[in-house]
Each structure stands twice: as C-alpha cells, then as structure tokens.
Protein backbone atom coordinates (compact mmCIF):
# COMPACT_ATOMS: atom_id res chain seq x y z
CA LEU A 1 112.34 99.70 155.71
CA PRO A 2 116.12 99.75 155.50
CA ALA A 3 118.02 97.42 157.85
CA GLY A 4 118.41 98.90 161.31
CA LEU A 5 115.47 101.30 160.95
CA GLU A 6 112.36 100.91 163.08
CA VAL A 7 109.26 103.09 163.20
CA VAL A 8 107.81 103.68 166.66
CA VAL A 9 104.49 105.54 166.75
CA LEU A 10 103.51 107.31 169.95
CA MET A 11 99.73 107.29 169.97
CA HIS A 12 97.43 109.36 172.16
CA HIS A 13 94.89 107.15 173.95
CA ASP A 14 92.00 109.07 172.36
CA GLU A 15 93.14 107.83 168.95
CA TRP A 16 92.84 104.15 169.87
CA GLY A 17 90.01 102.53 167.93
CA LEU A 18 89.39 105.44 165.54
CA SER A 19 89.06 104.62 161.86
CA SER A 20 91.47 107.50 161.19
CA ASN A 21 94.15 105.84 163.33
CA THR A 22 97.27 106.43 161.22
CA GLY A 23 99.48 104.81 163.86
CA LYS A 24 97.84 101.45 163.23
CA LEU A 25 98.21 101.91 159.48
CA ALA A 26 101.92 102.65 159.94
CA GLU A 27 102.32 99.53 162.07
CA LEU A 28 100.66 97.39 159.40
CA THR A 29 102.54 98.82 156.41
CA MET A 30 106.05 99.53 157.70
CA ALA A 31 108.03 96.70 159.20
CA PRO A 32 109.50 96.80 161.71
CA ALA A 33 107.04 99.15 163.37
CA ARG A 34 105.23 99.28 166.68
CA ILE A 35 102.83 101.49 168.58
CA LEU A 36 103.39 102.92 172.04
CA MET A 37 100.38 104.40 173.83
CA LYS A 38 100.97 107.73 175.62
CA GLY A 39 100.03 107.47 179.27
CA LEU A 40 100.52 103.71 179.58
CA PRO A 41 103.34 103.50 182.14
CA SER A 42 105.21 100.63 180.47
CA HIS A 43 105.03 102.38 177.08
CA ASP A 44 106.10 105.74 178.55
CA ALA A 45 109.12 104.00 180.11
CA GLU A 46 109.95 102.27 176.83
CA LEU A 47 109.80 105.58 174.94
CA ALA A 48 111.99 107.29 177.55
CA ALA A 49 114.54 104.47 177.25
CA LEU A 50 114.61 104.85 173.45
CA ILE A 51 115.12 108.60 173.70
CA GLU A 52 117.87 108.26 176.31
CA ASP A 53 119.70 105.49 174.41
CA GLU A 54 122.64 107.22 172.68
CA SER A 55 122.88 104.38 170.14
CA VAL A 56 119.38 105.21 168.88
CA GLU A 57 118.76 108.17 166.57
CA THR A 58 115.35 109.64 167.32
CA CYS A 59 113.27 111.74 164.97
CA VAL A 60 109.91 113.20 165.95
CA LEU A 61 107.43 114.13 163.23
CA TRP A 62 104.49 116.32 164.18
CA PRO A 63 102.24 118.56 162.08
CA SER A 64 102.68 122.30 162.54
CA ALA A 65 100.08 124.41 164.36
CA ALA A 66 98.99 125.84 161.00
CA GLU A 67 98.33 122.36 159.62
CA ARG A 68 96.44 121.33 162.77
CA ALA A 69 94.22 124.43 162.48
CA ASP A 70 92.53 122.81 159.46
CA TRP A 71 91.71 119.58 161.31
CA PRO A 72 88.01 118.92 161.92
CA SER A 73 86.74 119.44 165.45
CA GLU A 74 85.80 116.58 167.81
CA GLY A 75 83.92 113.83 166.07
CA GLY A 76 86.04 114.09 162.95
CA GLY A 77 89.55 113.82 164.24
CA GLY A 78 90.10 117.18 165.91
CA ASP A 79 93.22 118.37 167.69
CA ARG A 80 93.50 115.90 170.57
CA THR A 81 96.92 117.00 171.75
CA GLY A 82 95.74 117.90 175.25
CA GLY A 83 98.51 120.47 175.40
CA GLU A 84 101.25 117.85 175.11
C-alpha cells in the first residue's frame, strides 16, 4: 500500500473463524492492515477514535442491499449484519 495508507477491517464476530473470512485475507495481503472486531469494547473504542481523528481520512466500503440479496443464507455466508 502507498505510504501513509492503512487498511482497517471491521469484522462482525460471526465472521471470525469462517473460511470465507475476507477480513483475514485483507490483513494477510495488504500491509499495513489490521482487523477490529465489532462488539469488542477495546476495538469499538479504537474504531471510534479513528473516525473522530480529523487527521485520518476514513472510507467505509459495504456491499449494497441488492448485492447482499444474492448472498447464500446461513451456513454459506448469509447476511450477518444484524441490522447494523
């Protein structure tokens, strides 16, 4: 990655340990990169600090509802957003 750029992946706890875990793949292939787990208090605080830091440019990438409609149901990846 270009100097000064870091990838931070916010992962839902249900994704931890899945073979389809793209967050882990991103962490392994893009340096510097790290994973924050949604719902883990220290990670939630770290994410909030990144978002509030005016020296940090934040970009959130998320598939559209139409793209998520094609995801397999539970057991194959499913939409595990939990309304968040």
